[in-house]
Amino acid sequence: MVTLTETAAKKVETLRLEEGKPEWGLRLRVVGGGCSGFSYELGWEDAVQEGDEVIESAGVKVYVDPNSVQYVSGAQIDYVDSLYGSGFSINNPNSKGSCGCGHSFQA
Protein backbone atom coordinates (compact mmCIF):
# COMPACT_ATOMS: atom_id res chain seq x y z
CA MET A 1 0.00 0.00 0.00
CA VAL A 2 2.21 2.92 1.24
CA THR A 3 5.89 2.47 2.08
CA LEU A 4 8.59 4.63 3.61
CA THR A 5 12.19 4.69 2.52
CA GLU A 6 14.80 4.05 5.19
CA THR A 7 15.72 7.75 5.05
CA ALA A 8 12.11 8.82 5.66
CA ALA A 9 11.68 6.32 8.51
CA LYS A 10 14.82 7.62 10.23
CA LYS A 11 13.61 11.21 9.87
CA VAL A 12 10.19 10.29 11.30
CA GLU A 13 11.92 8.63 14.25
CA THR A 14 14.08 11.70 14.87
CA LEU A 15 11.11 14.07 14.66
CA ARG A 16 8.95 11.92 16.94
CA LEU A 17 11.64 11.94 19.61
CA GLU A 18 12.24 15.69 19.26
CA GLU A 19 8.52 16.37 19.63
CA GLY A 20 8.03 13.92 22.50
CA LYS A 21 5.76 11.61 20.50
CA PRO A 22 7.81 8.40 20.23
CA GLU A 23 4.79 6.09 19.81
CA TRP A 24 2.82 8.18 17.33
CA GLY A 25 2.28 7.26 13.70
CA LEU A 26 2.26 9.30 10.53
CA ARG A 27 -1.08 10.46 9.06
CA LEU A 28 -1.16 10.73 5.25
CA ARG A 29 -4.12 12.55 3.75
CA VAL A 30 -5.04 13.69 0.28
CA VAL A 31 -7.00 16.94 0.23
CA GLY A 32 -8.50 19.03 -2.54
CA GLY A 33 -6.52 22.08 -3.54
CA GLY A 34 -3.19 23.12 -4.86
CA CYS A 35 -2.35 24.05 -8.45
CA SER A 36 -3.11 20.58 -9.81
CA GLY A 37 -6.26 19.64 -7.90
CA PHE A 38 -5.00 17.59 -4.94
CA SER A 39 -2.29 17.93 -2.33
CA TYR A 40 -0.82 15.80 0.43
CA GLU A 41 -0.93 16.44 4.15
CA LEU A 42 1.38 14.69 6.60
CA GLY A 43 0.98 14.91 10.35
CA TRP A 44 1.16 13.00 13.62
CA GLU A 45 -1.55 10.61 14.76
CA ASP A 46 -1.76 8.85 18.10
CA ALA A 47 -4.56 6.39 17.28
CA VAL A 48 -6.34 4.79 14.37
CA GLN A 49 -9.58 6.48 13.26
CA GLU A 50 -12.64 4.58 12.06
CA GLY A 51 -12.11 3.26 8.53
CA ASP A 52 -8.35 3.95 8.43
CA GLU A 53 -5.94 1.73 6.61
CA VAL A 54 -2.98 1.16 8.91
CA ILE A 55 0.28 0.24 7.25
CA GLU A 56 3.51 -0.45 9.08
CA SER A 57 6.56 0.34 7.00
CA ALA A 58 10.16 0.48 8.22
CA GLY A 59 8.91 0.50 11.82
CA VAL A 60 6.53 3.43 11.30
CA LYS A 61 2.74 3.18 11.38
CA VAL A 62 1.13 5.11 8.54
CA TYR A 63 -2.57 5.96 8.86
CA VAL A 64 -4.55 6.61 5.67
CA ASP A 65 -8.21 7.64 5.75
CA PRO A 66 -10.71 5.82 3.49
CA ASN A 67 -11.07 8.76 1.08
CA SER A 68 -7.31 9.04 0.53
CA VAL A 69 -6.54 5.33 0.03
CA GLN A 70 -7.54 5.35 -3.63
CA TYR A 71 -5.10 8.15 -4.40
CA VAL A 72 -2.01 6.85 -2.56
CA SER A 73 -2.06 3.08 -3.07
CA GLY A 74 1.49 2.07 -4.01
CA ALA A 75 3.01 5.42 -3.01
CA GLN A 76 6.40 5.75 -1.34
CA ILE A 77 7.27 8.42 1.20
CA ASP A 78 10.86 9.61 1.08
CA TYR A 79 12.82 12.33 2.85
CA VAL A 80 14.96 14.58 0.66
CA ASP A 81 17.68 16.89 1.92
CA SER A 82 19.23 19.01 -0.83
CA LEU A 83 20.42 22.51 -1.66
CA TYR A 84 16.90 23.32 -2.88
CA GLY A 85 15.35 22.42 0.46
CA SER A 86 14.50 19.48 2.60
CA GLY A 87 11.31 17.69 3.41
CA PHE A 88 9.17 14.68 2.80
CA SER A 89 8.49 13.73 -0.80
CA ILE A 90 5.77 11.39 -2.01
CA ASN A 91 6.44 9.29 -5.08
CA ASN A 92 2.95 8.36 -6.22
CA PRO A 93 2.33 6.02 -9.18
CA ASN A 94 -1.32 7.18 -9.27
CA SER A 95 -0.41 10.77 -10.08
CA LYS A 96 -1.20 11.73 -13.66
CA GLY A 97 0.69 15.00 -13.36
CA SER A 98 1.93 17.56 -10.89
CA CYS A 99 2.64 21.24 -10.74
CA GLY A 100 6.05 22.89 -10.81
CA CYS A 101 6.12 23.36 -7.03
CA GLY A 102 5.83 19.60 -6.46
CA HIS A 103 3.25 19.95 -3.69
CA SER A 104 0.12 19.08 -5.63
CA PHE A 105 -0.90 16.46 -8.17
CA GLN A 106 -3.60 15.34 -10.58
CA ALA A 107 -5.36 12.03 -10.16
C-alpha atoms as a PDB file:
ATOM      1  CA  MET A   1       0.000   0.000   0.000  1.00  0.00           C
ATOM      2  CA  VAL A   2       2.208   2.917   1.237  1.00  0.00           C
ATOM      3  CA  THR A   3       5.886   2.471   2.083  1.00  0.00           C
ATOM      4  CA  LEU A   4       8.593   4.626   3.612  1.00  0.00           C
ATOM      5  CA  THR A   5      12.186   4.686   2.522  1.00  0.00           C
ATOM      6  CA  GLU A   6      14.799   4.053   5.189  1.00  0.00           C
ATOM      7  CA  THR A   7      15.720   7.748   5.054  1.00  0.00           C
ATOM      8  CA  ALA A   8      12.106   8.817   5.660  1.00  0.00           C
ATOM      9  CA  ALA A   9      11.680   6.321   8.507  1.00  0.00           C
ATOM     10  CA  LYS A  10      14.820   7.622  10.235  1.00  0.00           C
ATOM     11  CA  LYS A  11      13.611  11.213   9.873  1.00  0.00           C
ATOM     12  CA  VAL A  12      10.195  10.292  11.302  1.00  0.00           C
ATOM     13  CA  GLU A  13      11.917   8.630  14.254  1.00  0.00           C
ATOM     14  CA  THR A  14      14.081  11.700  14.873  1.00  0.00           C
ATOM     15  CA  LEU A  15      11.112  14.075  14.660  1.00  0.00           C
ATOM     16  CA  ARG A  16       8.953  11.921  16.941  1.00  0.00           C
ATOM     17  CA  LEU A  17      11.643  11.938  19.611  1.00  0.00           C
ATOM     18  CA  GLU A  18      12.241  15.687  19.259  1.00  0.00           C
ATOM     19  CA  GLU A  19       8.521  16.366  19.625  1.00  0.00           C
ATOM     20  CA  GLY A  20       8.031  13.924  22.500  1.00  0.00           C
ATOM     21  CA  LYS A  21       5.756  11.608  20.504  1.00  0.00           C
ATOM     22  CA  PRO A  22       7.807   8.401  20.225  1.00  0.00           C
ATOM     23  CA  GLU A  23       4.792   6.092  19.815  1.00  0.00           C
ATOM     24  CA  TRP A  24       2.822   8.176  17.331  1.00  0.00           C
ATOM     25  CA  GLY A  25       2.281   7.260  13.703  1.00  0.00           C
ATOM     26  CA  LEU A  26       2.262   9.299  10.534  1.00  0.00           C
ATOM     27  CA  ARG A  27      -1.078  10.459   9.063  1.00  0.00           C
ATOM     28  CA  LEU A  28      -1.156  10.730   5.253  1.00  0.00           C
ATOM     29  CA  ARG A  29      -4.125  12.553   3.748  1.00  0.00           C
ATOM     30  CA  VAL A  30      -5.040  13.691   0.276  1.00  0.00           C
ATOM     31  CA  VAL A  31      -7.000  16.940   0.231  1.00  0.00           C
ATOM     32  CA  GLY A  32      -8.496  19.027  -2.536  1.00  0.00           C
ATOM     33  CA  GLY A  33      -6.519  22.082  -3.539  1.00  0.00           C
ATOM     34  CA  GLY A  34      -3.188  23.121  -4.864  1.00  0.00           C
ATOM     35  CA  CYS A  35      -2.349  24.053  -8.453  1.00  0.00           C
ATOM     36  CA  SER A  36      -3.112  20.579  -9.813  1.00  0.00           C
ATOM     37  CA  GLY A  37      -6.258  19.635  -7.902  1.00  0.00           C
ATOM     38  CA  PHE A  38      -4.997  17.586  -4.942  1.00  0.00           C
ATOM     39  CA  SER A  39      -2.291  17.935  -2.333  1.00  0.00           C
ATOM     40  CA  TYR A  40      -0.823  15.803   0.430  1.00  0.00           C
ATOM     41  CA  GLU A  41      -0.930  16.441   4.147  1.00  0.00           C
ATOM     42  CA  LEU A  42       1.380  14.692   6.601  1.00  0.00           C
ATOM     43  CA  GLY A  43       0.975  14.915  10.353  1.00  0.00           C
ATOM     44  CA  TRP A  44       1.155  13.000  13.617  1.00  0.00           C
ATOM     45  CA  GLU A  45      -1.547  10.607  14.761  1.00  0.00           C
ATOM     46  CA  ASP A  46      -1.763   8.848  18.101  1.00  0.00           C
ATOM     47  CA  ALA A  47      -4.561   6.387  17.276  1.00  0.00           C
ATOM     48  CA  VAL A  48      -6.345   4.786  14.375  1.00  0.00           C
ATOM     49  CA  GLN A  49      -9.581   6.476  13.260  1.00  0.00           C
ATOM     50  CA  GLU A  50     -12.640   4.578  12.062  1.00  0.00           C
ATOM     51  CA  GLY A  51     -12.105   3.257   8.532  1.00  0.00           C
ATOM     52  CA  ASP A  52      -8.353   3.947   8.431  1.00  0.00           C
ATOM     53  CA  GLU A  53      -5.944   1.729   6.607  1.00  0.00           C
ATOM     54  CA  VAL A  54      -2.978   1.157   8.911  1.00  0.00           C
ATOM     55  CA  ILE A  55       0.285   0.244   7.249  1.00  0.00           C
ATOM     56  CA  GLU A  56       3.511  -0.446   9.085  1.00  0.00           C
ATOM     57  CA  SER A  57       6.563   0.338   6.996  1.00  0.00           C
ATOM     58  CA  ALA A  58      10.161   0.484   8.223  1.00  0.00           C
ATOM     59  CA  GLY A  59       8.906   0.496  11.819  1.00  0.00           C
ATOM     60  CA  VAL A  60       6.529   3.434  11.297  1.00  0.00           C
ATOM     61  CA  LYS A  61       2.739   3.183  11.383  1.00  0.00           C
ATOM     62  CA  VAL A  62       1.132   5.106   8.538  1.00  0.00           C
ATOM     63  CA  TYR A  63      -2.568   5.955   8.858  1.00  0.00           C
ATOM     64  CA  VAL A  64      -4.548   6.614   5.668  1.00  0.00           C
ATOM     65  CA  ASP A  65      -8.211   7.637   5.753  1.00  0.00           C
ATOM     66  CA  PRO A  66     -10.713   5.817   3.491  1.00  0.00           C
ATOM     67  CA  ASN A  67     -11.072   8.759   1.082  1.00  0.00           C
ATOM     68  CA  SER A  68      -7.306   9.036   0.527  1.00  0.00           C
ATOM     69  CA  VAL A  69      -6.537   5.335   0.031  1.00  0.00           C
ATOM     70  CA  GLN A  70      -7.543   5.349  -3.632  1.00  0.00           C
ATOM     71  CA  TYR A  71      -5.099   8.153  -4.399  1.00  0.00           C
ATOM     72  CA  VAL A  72      -2.014   6.846  -2.560  1.00  0.00           C
ATOM     73  CA  SER A  73      -2.061   3.085  -3.072  1.00  0.00           C
ATOM     74  CA  GLY A  74       1.486   2.074  -4.012  1.00  0.00           C
ATOM     75  CA  ALA A  75       3.009   5.420  -3.010  1.00  0.00           C
ATOM     76  CA  GLN A  76       6.396   5.745  -1.345  1.00  0.00           C
ATOM     77  CA  ILE A  77       7.268   8.425   1.195  1.00  0.00           C
ATOM     78  CA  ASP A  78      10.862   9.612   1.085  1.00  0.00           C
ATOM     79  CA  TYR A  79      12.822  12.333   2.846  1.00  0.00           C
ATOM     80  CA  VAL A  80      14.955  14.576   0.662  1.00  0.00           C
ATOM     81  CA  ASP A  81      17.685  16.895   1.923  1.00  0.00           C
ATOM     82  CA  SER A  82      19.227  19.010  -0.825  1.00  0.00           C
ATOM     83  CA  LEU A  83      20.417  22.505  -1.657  1.00  0.00           C
ATOM     84  CA  TYR A  84      16.902  23.316  -2.879  1.00  0.00           C
ATOM     85  CA  GLY A  85      15.353  22.421   0.458  1.00  0.00           C
ATOM     86  CA  SER A  86      14.502  19.483   2.596  1.00  0.00           C
ATOM     87  CA  GLY A  87      11.311  17.691   3.414  1.00  0.00           C
ATOM     88  CA  PHE A  88       9.168  14.684   2.798  1.00  0.00           C
ATOM     89  CA  SER A  89       8.493  13.728  -0.795  1.00  0.00           C
ATOM     90  CA  ILE A  90       5.772  11.390  -2.005  1.00  0.00           C
ATOM     91  CA  ASN A  91       6.441   9.287  -5.078  1.00  0.00           C
ATOM     92  CA  ASN A  92       2.948   8.359  -6.215  1.00  0.00           C
ATOM     93  CA  PRO A  93       2.329   6.024  -9.182  1.00  0.00           C
ATOM     94  CA  ASN A  94      -1.324   7.179  -9.267  1.00  0.00           C
ATOM     95  CA  SER A  95      -0.408  10.768 -10.078  1.00  0.00           C
ATOM     96  CA  LYS A  96      -1.201  11.727 -13.660  1.00  0.00           C
ATOM     97  CA  GLY A  97       0.686  15.004 -13.359  1.00  0.00           C
ATOM     98  CA  SER A  98       1.931  17.555 -10.894  1.00  0.00           C
ATOM     99  CA  CYS A  99       2.643  21.244 -10.741  1.00  0.00           C
ATOM    100  CA  GLY A 100       6.048  22.886 -10.806  1.00  0.00           C
ATOM    101  CA  CYS A 101       6.116  23.357  -7.031  1.00  0.00           C
ATOM    102  CA  GLY A 102       5.826  19.597  -6.459  1.00  0.00           C
ATOM    103  CA  HIS A 103       3.253  19.951  -3.687  1.00  0.00           C
ATOM    104  CA  SER A 104       0.121  19.084  -5.629  1.00  0.00           C
ATOM    105  CA  PHE A 105      -0.898  16.462  -8.166  1.00  0.00           C
ATOM    106  CA  GLN A 106      -3.602  15.344 -10.575  1.00  0.00           C
ATOM    107  CA  ALA A 107      -5.359  12.026 -10.162  1.00  0.00           C
END
